[in-house]
Amino acid sequence: MALFDLPLDELRGYRSASTEPEDFDAFWAKTLQEAREHDPDARFEPVETHLKTVEVYDVTYSGFGGHPVKGWLALPAGVSEPLPTVVEFIGYGGGRGLPHTHLLWASAGYAHFVMDTRGQGSAWGGGGDTPDPVAGAPAFPGFMTRGVDAPENYYYRRVYTDAVRAVEAARAHPRTDAARTAVVGSSQGGGISIAVGGLVPDLVAVAPDVPFLCDFPRSTTITDRDPYREIGKYLKTHRGRTEQVGRTLAYFDGVHFAARGRAPALFSAALEDQTCPPSTVFAAFNAWAEDDKRIEVYDFNDHEGGGPFQEAVKLRWLAARL
């Protein structure tokens, strides 16, 4: 696919038209307060992986509503002191998978926590293990319209809350250094990392790649590609609900979380990306509140973005901060 979005010089100055709800902060403060009424109850069970350089723990902790959420914690073998920690969130449709597929960050000397995304894990990768026990109103197949009738019911309210609790669970382990925590992710995982960056004030770094869940007014109309297109397909059937759906999505827009981001940030965007169009990525990047931020741009790539090249950039960037 050739370039289809704004030229790069316009992207660098682009601002989203998304309107922030007046009670945005109150909504999220109440959501997290309710979640913290449940003990985090983070449990770490050793896993035999036959890996010699990495120790792996099967993690269970309490997320939204006290629901059990799974994860992996990987640590460099033989290291006893508290380690800087990278918490990672997964792309759309994937789950935590298998532990031997998550070796990069532990191999670089970090504690690495991978959150399983509730209800997902059956589209690609090695599967997921966390159910989403919350039922809701009829939705289009996928996750984008589950509970979209109201912010209180929306699927990503649960996911973002799980993600904040994942940071808390990672910090509960004695071999992680709570003062040196970063969050990373690609696509959906990038969008989740932006949300966490806006909700957890003491992170050291945030690194979202080709992030999803940003600038909903534009992303839901500029591309025909799923998952954003799920929203248009839902509204194609549910005529007259555009305003209601837009109101719900505004509470989950990465642009508004970015405006609260206080950690140094490393973004990436791909100019031929029709899944997460570059203007929607720049909308979040340009809104990011911390001055210490940069964005890597991959001119001729689609949603794969920088791939292994961006991983190398992140390794260098995080080494200077963790």
Protein backbone atom coordinates (compact mmCIF):
# COMPACT_ATOMS: atom_id res chain seq x y z
CA MET A 1 0.00 0.00 0.00
CA ALA A 2 1.41 3.40 -0.94
CA LEU A 3 1.28 6.45 1.32
CA PHE A 4 -2.35 7.33 2.09
CA ASP A 5 -2.32 9.57 5.16
CA LEU A 6 -0.99 13.08 5.77
CA PRO A 7 2.54 14.02 4.59
CA LEU A 8 5.22 13.71 7.26
CA ASP A 9 5.61 17.46 7.74
CA GLU A 10 1.88 17.74 8.45
CA LEU A 11 1.95 14.71 10.74
CA ARG A 12 4.51 16.41 12.96
CA GLY A 13 2.02 19.19 13.69
CA TYR A 14 -1.21 17.19 13.60
CA ARG A 15 -3.60 17.45 16.55
CA SER A 16 -6.59 15.21 17.17
CA ALA A 17 -10.13 16.53 17.15
CA SER A 18 -11.05 14.11 19.94
CA THR A 19 -12.89 15.91 22.75
CA GLU A 20 -11.81 14.99 26.25
CA PRO A 21 -14.72 14.21 28.61
CA GLU A 22 -14.98 16.69 31.48
CA ASP A 23 -15.00 13.87 34.02
CA PHE A 24 -12.15 11.90 32.39
CA ASP A 25 -9.89 12.03 35.46
CA ALA A 26 -12.73 11.34 37.87
CA PHE A 27 -13.88 8.36 35.78
CA TRP A 28 -10.44 6.76 35.88
CA ALA A 29 -9.78 7.62 39.53
CA LYS A 30 -13.04 5.89 40.48
CA THR A 31 -12.29 2.92 38.22
CA LEU A 32 -8.85 2.35 39.75
CA GLN A 33 -10.10 2.96 43.28
CA GLU A 34 -12.70 0.24 42.82
CA ALA A 35 -10.07 -2.14 41.43
CA ARG A 36 -7.77 -1.49 44.39
CA GLU A 37 -10.50 -2.53 46.80
CA HIS A 38 -9.43 -6.04 45.81
CA ASP A 39 -6.12 -7.32 47.14
CA PRO A 40 -3.68 -7.60 44.20
CA ASP A 41 -2.90 -11.13 45.42
CA ALA A 42 -0.01 -11.52 42.97
CA ARG A 43 1.14 -15.15 42.92
CA PHE A 44 4.33 -16.29 41.19
CA GLU A 45 4.70 -20.02 40.48
CA PRO A 46 8.03 -21.25 39.06
CA VAL A 47 7.80 -22.84 35.61
CA GLU A 48 10.19 -25.47 34.23
CA THR A 49 11.01 -24.25 30.73
CA HIS A 50 14.42 -25.93 30.26
CA LEU A 51 15.83 -22.49 29.52
CA LYS A 52 19.26 -22.09 31.14
CA THR A 53 19.60 -18.31 31.16
CA VAL A 54 16.07 -17.28 32.15
CA GLU A 55 13.87 -18.08 35.14
CA VAL A 56 10.14 -17.98 34.43
CA TYR A 57 7.16 -17.59 36.75
CA ASP A 58 3.51 -18.21 35.96
CA VAL A 59 1.75 -15.16 37.40
CA THR A 60 -1.83 -14.73 38.58
CA TYR A 61 -3.04 -11.41 39.98
CA SER A 62 -6.32 -9.56 40.57
CA GLY A 63 -7.35 -7.18 37.80
CA PHE A 64 -10.58 -5.33 37.11
CA GLY A 65 -13.37 -6.45 39.44
CA GLY A 66 -10.94 -8.73 41.26
CA HIS A 67 -10.94 -11.04 38.23
CA PRO A 68 -7.86 -13.30 37.99
CA VAL A 69 -5.47 -12.23 35.24
CA LYS A 70 -2.52 -14.30 34.03
CA GLY A 71 0.97 -13.25 33.03
CA TRP A 72 4.56 -14.36 32.75
CA LEU A 73 7.50 -12.99 34.70
CA ALA A 74 10.90 -13.77 33.21
CA LEU A 75 14.12 -12.99 35.10
CA PRO A 76 17.77 -13.38 34.15
CA ALA A 77 18.95 -16.58 35.85
CA GLY A 78 21.23 -16.29 38.84
CA VAL A 79 20.65 -12.59 39.51
CA SER A 80 19.54 -11.83 43.06
CA GLU A 81 19.36 -8.03 43.24
CA PRO A 82 16.20 -6.11 42.26
CA LEU A 83 16.12 -5.50 38.52
CA PRO A 84 14.76 -2.75 36.30
CA THR A 85 11.46 -4.01 34.96
CA VAL A 86 9.79 -3.98 31.55
CA VAL A 87 6.04 -4.61 31.55
CA GLU A 88 4.76 -5.61 28.11
CA PHE A 89 1.26 -5.60 26.64
CA ILE A 90 0.20 -7.76 23.68
CA GLY A 91 -1.26 -7.00 20.25
CA TYR A 92 -4.90 -7.46 19.30
CA GLY A 93 -6.16 -11.04 19.39
CA GLY A 94 -3.04 -12.44 21.01
CA GLY A 95 -2.44 -13.71 24.52
CA ARG A 96 0.59 -14.21 26.71
CA GLY A 97 1.52 -17.25 24.62
CA LEU A 98 4.38 -19.47 25.71
CA PRO A 99 7.26 -18.30 27.90
CA HIS A 100 10.07 -19.26 25.52
CA THR A 101 8.74 -16.74 22.99
CA HIS A 102 9.47 -13.83 25.36
CA LEU A 103 13.25 -13.82 25.78
CA LEU A 104 14.43 -10.40 24.56
CA TRP A 105 14.06 -8.29 27.67
CA ALA A 106 15.24 -10.87 30.20
CA SER A 107 18.23 -11.55 27.94
CA ALA A 108 19.02 -7.83 28.13
CA GLY A 109 19.11 -8.01 31.92
CA TYR A 110 15.60 -6.81 32.79
CA ALA A 111 12.79 -8.38 34.73
CA HIS A 112 10.11 -8.88 32.07
CA PHE A 113 6.40 -9.08 32.88
CA VAL A 114 3.98 -10.03 30.07
CA MET A 115 0.28 -9.40 30.71
CA ASP A 116 -2.27 -11.80 29.26
CA THR A 117 -5.11 -9.80 27.65
CA ARG A 118 -8.47 -10.89 29.03
CA GLY A 119 -10.67 -12.72 26.55
CA GLN A 120 -8.01 -12.70 23.83
CA GLY A 121 -5.37 -15.18 22.73
CA SER A 122 -7.05 -17.21 20.01
CA ALA A 123 -6.14 -15.26 16.86
CA TRP A 124 -2.36 -15.79 16.70
CA GLY A 125 0.64 -16.80 18.79
CA GLY A 126 0.64 -19.37 21.56
CA GLY A 127 -2.75 -18.68 23.10
CA GLY A 128 -4.18 -16.92 26.12
CA ASP A 129 -5.32 -18.05 29.55
CA THR A 130 -7.42 -15.20 30.95
CA PRO A 131 -11.21 -15.20 30.44
CA ASP A 132 -13.32 -12.07 30.41
CA PRO A 133 -16.30 -13.06 32.60
CA VAL A 134 -18.26 -9.86 31.95
CA ALA A 135 -21.26 -10.12 29.65
CA GLY A 136 -22.67 -7.14 27.79
CA ALA A 137 -24.98 -5.84 25.10
CA PRO A 138 -24.81 -7.25 21.56
CA ALA A 139 -21.55 -6.39 19.81
CA PHE A 140 -19.90 -6.79 16.43
CA PRO A 141 -17.49 -9.79 16.36
CA GLY A 142 -14.20 -8.79 17.95
CA PHE A 143 -13.49 -6.66 21.00
CA MET A 144 -13.92 -3.08 19.85
CA THR A 145 -17.67 -2.81 20.45
CA ARG A 146 -18.08 -4.97 23.55
CA GLY A 147 -19.93 -2.78 26.03
CA VAL A 148 -19.55 0.28 23.81
CA ASP A 149 -23.03 1.42 24.87
CA ALA A 150 -21.51 3.12 27.96
CA PRO A 151 -18.02 3.90 29.31
CA GLU A 152 -18.71 1.90 32.48
CA ASN A 153 -19.41 -1.22 30.40
CA TYR A 154 -16.70 -0.92 27.76
CA TYR A 155 -14.29 -3.81 27.30
CA TYR A 156 -11.18 -1.62 27.39
CA ARG A 157 -12.12 -0.25 30.80
CA ARG A 158 -11.39 -3.73 32.06
CA VAL A 159 -8.24 -4.14 29.96
CA TYR A 160 -6.70 -0.80 30.95
CA THR A 161 -7.43 -1.53 34.59
CA ASP A 162 -5.84 -4.97 34.27
CA ALA A 163 -2.80 -3.24 32.79
CA VAL A 164 -2.37 -0.80 35.67
CA ARG A 165 -2.70 -3.72 38.05
CA ALA A 166 -0.10 -5.61 36.00
CA VAL A 167 2.42 -2.89 36.82
CA GLU A 168 1.49 -3.21 40.49
CA ALA A 169 1.81 -6.99 40.32
CA ALA A 170 5.22 -6.79 38.65
CA ARG A 171 6.42 -4.40 41.34
CA ALA A 172 5.28 -6.81 44.05
CA HIS A 173 7.98 -9.36 43.21
CA PRO A 174 11.10 -9.04 45.41
CA ARG A 175 13.46 -9.18 42.42
CA THR A 176 11.94 -6.20 40.62
CA ASP A 177 12.91 -2.59 41.30
CA ALA A 178 9.65 -0.65 41.56
CA ALA A 179 11.48 2.64 41.01
CA ARG A 180 12.70 1.51 37.58
CA THR A 181 9.63 0.37 35.65
CA ALA A 182 8.96 0.83 31.94
CA VAL A 183 5.98 -0.22 29.82
CA VAL A 184 6.15 -1.32 26.19
CA GLY A 185 3.88 -2.78 23.54
CA SER A 186 3.05 -2.84 19.87
CA SER A 187 -0.31 -2.10 18.21
CA GLN A 188 -2.97 -2.86 20.85
CA GLY A 189 -0.11 -3.30 23.30
CA GLY A 190 1.17 0.14 22.33
CA GLY A 191 -2.23 1.67 22.95
CA ILE A 192 -2.42 -0.02 26.34
CA SER A 193 1.06 1.23 27.22
CA ILE A 194 -0.03 4.81 26.43
CA ALA A 195 -3.05 4.40 28.72
CA VAL A 196 -0.85 3.06 31.50
CA GLY A 197 1.60 5.90 30.90
CA GLY A 198 -1.23 8.33 31.61
CA LEU A 199 -2.55 6.45 34.65
CA VAL A 200 0.69 5.47 36.43
CA PRO A 201 2.64 8.65 37.25
CA ASP A 202 5.99 7.20 38.31
CA LEU A 203 7.06 5.15 35.29
CA VAL A 204 10.60 5.64 34.03
CA ALA A 205 9.85 5.07 30.34
CA VAL A 206 7.00 4.33 27.91
CA ALA A 207 7.64 2.80 24.47
CA PRO A 208 4.56 2.29 22.26
CA ASP A 209 5.11 0.98 18.72
CA VAL A 210 2.53 1.66 15.98
CA PRO A 211 -0.04 2.11 18.75
CA PHE A 212 -3.70 1.24 18.40
CA LEU A 213 -6.61 2.84 20.32
CA CYS A 214 -5.70 6.44 19.46
CA ASP A 215 -7.59 9.37 17.93
CA PHE A 216 -10.90 7.55 17.51
CA PRO A 217 -12.64 10.32 15.52
CA ARG A 218 -10.04 9.91 12.76
CA SER A 219 -9.04 6.26 13.12
CA THR A 220 -12.62 5.01 12.81
CA THR A 221 -13.15 6.87 9.52
CA ILE A 222 -9.80 6.89 7.69
CA THR A 223 -9.20 3.14 7.37
CA ASP A 224 -11.24 0.16 6.20
CA ARG A 225 -9.02 -2.27 8.06
CA ASP A 226 -9.95 -4.06 11.27
CA PRO A 227 -9.94 -3.67 14.21
CA TYR A 228 -10.95 -0.01 13.86
CA ARG A 229 -13.42 -1.00 11.16
CA GLU A 230 -15.35 -3.09 13.70
CA ILE A 231 -16.76 0.17 15.02
CA GLY A 232 -18.01 1.29 11.62
CA LYS A 233 -19.55 -2.12 10.98
CA TYR A 234 -21.33 -1.95 14.33
CA LEU A 235 -22.70 1.51 13.52
CA LYS A 236 -23.75 0.31 10.07
CA THR A 237 -26.25 -1.91 11.85
CA HIS A 238 -26.96 0.29 14.87
CA ARG A 239 -27.90 3.44 13.03
CA GLY A 240 -28.20 6.56 15.14
CA ARG A 241 -25.69 5.51 17.81
CA THR A 242 -22.65 7.36 16.45
CA GLU A 243 -22.72 10.07 19.12
CA GLN A 244 -23.24 7.57 21.94
CA VAL A 245 -20.37 5.38 20.75
CA GLY A 246 -18.11 8.39 20.28
CA ARG A 247 -18.81 9.48 23.83
CA THR A 248 -17.78 6.07 25.16
CA LEU A 249 -14.62 5.86 23.08
CA ALA A 250 -13.45 9.29 24.27
CA TYR A 251 -12.75 7.83 27.73
CA PHE A 252 -10.35 5.31 26.16
CA ASP A 253 -8.61 7.46 23.55
CA GLY A 254 -4.83 7.32 23.77
CA VAL A 255 -4.68 11.02 22.95
CA HIS A 256 -6.17 11.91 26.34
CA PHE A 257 -3.91 9.53 28.25
CA ALA A 258 -0.92 10.91 26.36
CA ALA A 259 -1.76 14.39 27.63
CA ARG A 260 -1.08 12.98 31.11
CA GLY A 261 2.12 11.10 30.24
CA ARG A 262 5.00 12.17 32.48
CA ALA A 263 7.63 9.60 31.58
CA PRO A 264 10.12 9.83 28.71
CA ALA A 265 8.53 8.23 25.65
CA LEU A 266 9.73 6.48 22.50
CA PHE A 267 7.04 6.06 19.85
CA SER A 268 7.20 4.55 16.38
CA ALA A 269 4.96 4.96 13.33
CA ALA A 270 4.84 3.50 9.83
CA LEU A 271 3.68 5.73 7.01
CA GLU A 272 1.94 2.95 5.04
CA ASP A 273 0.21 1.52 8.11
CA GLN A 274 -3.52 1.16 7.42
CA THR A 275 -4.18 -0.73 10.65
CA CYS A 276 -2.97 2.11 12.89
CA PRO A 277 -2.71 5.07 10.50
CA PRO A 278 0.27 7.33 11.14
CA SER A 279 -1.84 10.41 11.83
CA THR A 280 -3.48 8.62 14.74
CA VAL A 281 -0.07 7.67 16.14
CA PHE A 282 1.20 11.23 15.78
CA ALA A 283 -1.98 12.46 17.47
CA ALA A 284 -0.91 10.63 20.63
CA PHE A 285 2.77 11.46 20.24
CA ASN A 286 2.13 15.16 19.74
CA ALA A 287 -0.15 15.16 22.79
CA TRP A 288 2.41 13.42 25.02
CA ALA A 289 3.01 15.81 27.92
CA GLU A 290 6.66 15.01 28.71
CA ASP A 291 9.18 16.97 26.64
CA ASP A 292 11.62 14.04 26.59
CA LYS A 293 10.03 12.16 23.71
CA ARG A 294 10.93 10.97 20.22
CA ILE A 295 9.27 9.08 17.40
CA GLU A 296 10.88 6.71 14.91
CA VAL A 297 9.27 6.85 11.47
CA TYR A 298 9.37 3.95 9.00
CA ASP A 299 8.52 5.44 5.62
CA PHE A 300 7.65 2.36 3.56
CA ASN A 301 6.32 -0.05 6.16
CA ASP A 302 2.81 -1.18 6.97
CA HIS A 303 1.70 -2.34 10.41
CA GLU A 304 4.88 -4.33 10.99
CA GLY A 305 6.51 -0.96 11.58
CA GLY A 306 10.18 -1.12 12.43
CA GLY A 307 10.08 -4.76 13.53
CA PRO A 308 13.52 -5.95 14.66
CA PHE A 309 15.06 -2.58 13.81
CA GLN A 310 12.75 -0.87 16.28
CA GLU A 311 13.57 -3.52 18.89
CA ALA A 312 17.23 -2.55 18.56
CA VAL A 313 16.32 1.13 18.96
CA LYS A 314 14.33 0.33 22.11
CA LEU A 315 17.18 -1.70 23.60
CA ARG A 316 19.54 1.26 23.24
CA TRP A 317 16.96 3.78 24.42
CA LEU A 318 15.92 1.83 27.52
CA ALA A 319 19.52 1.07 28.45
CA ALA A 320 20.03 4.81 28.93
CA ARG A 321 16.98 5.07 31.22
CA LEU A 322 16.79 1.85 33.21
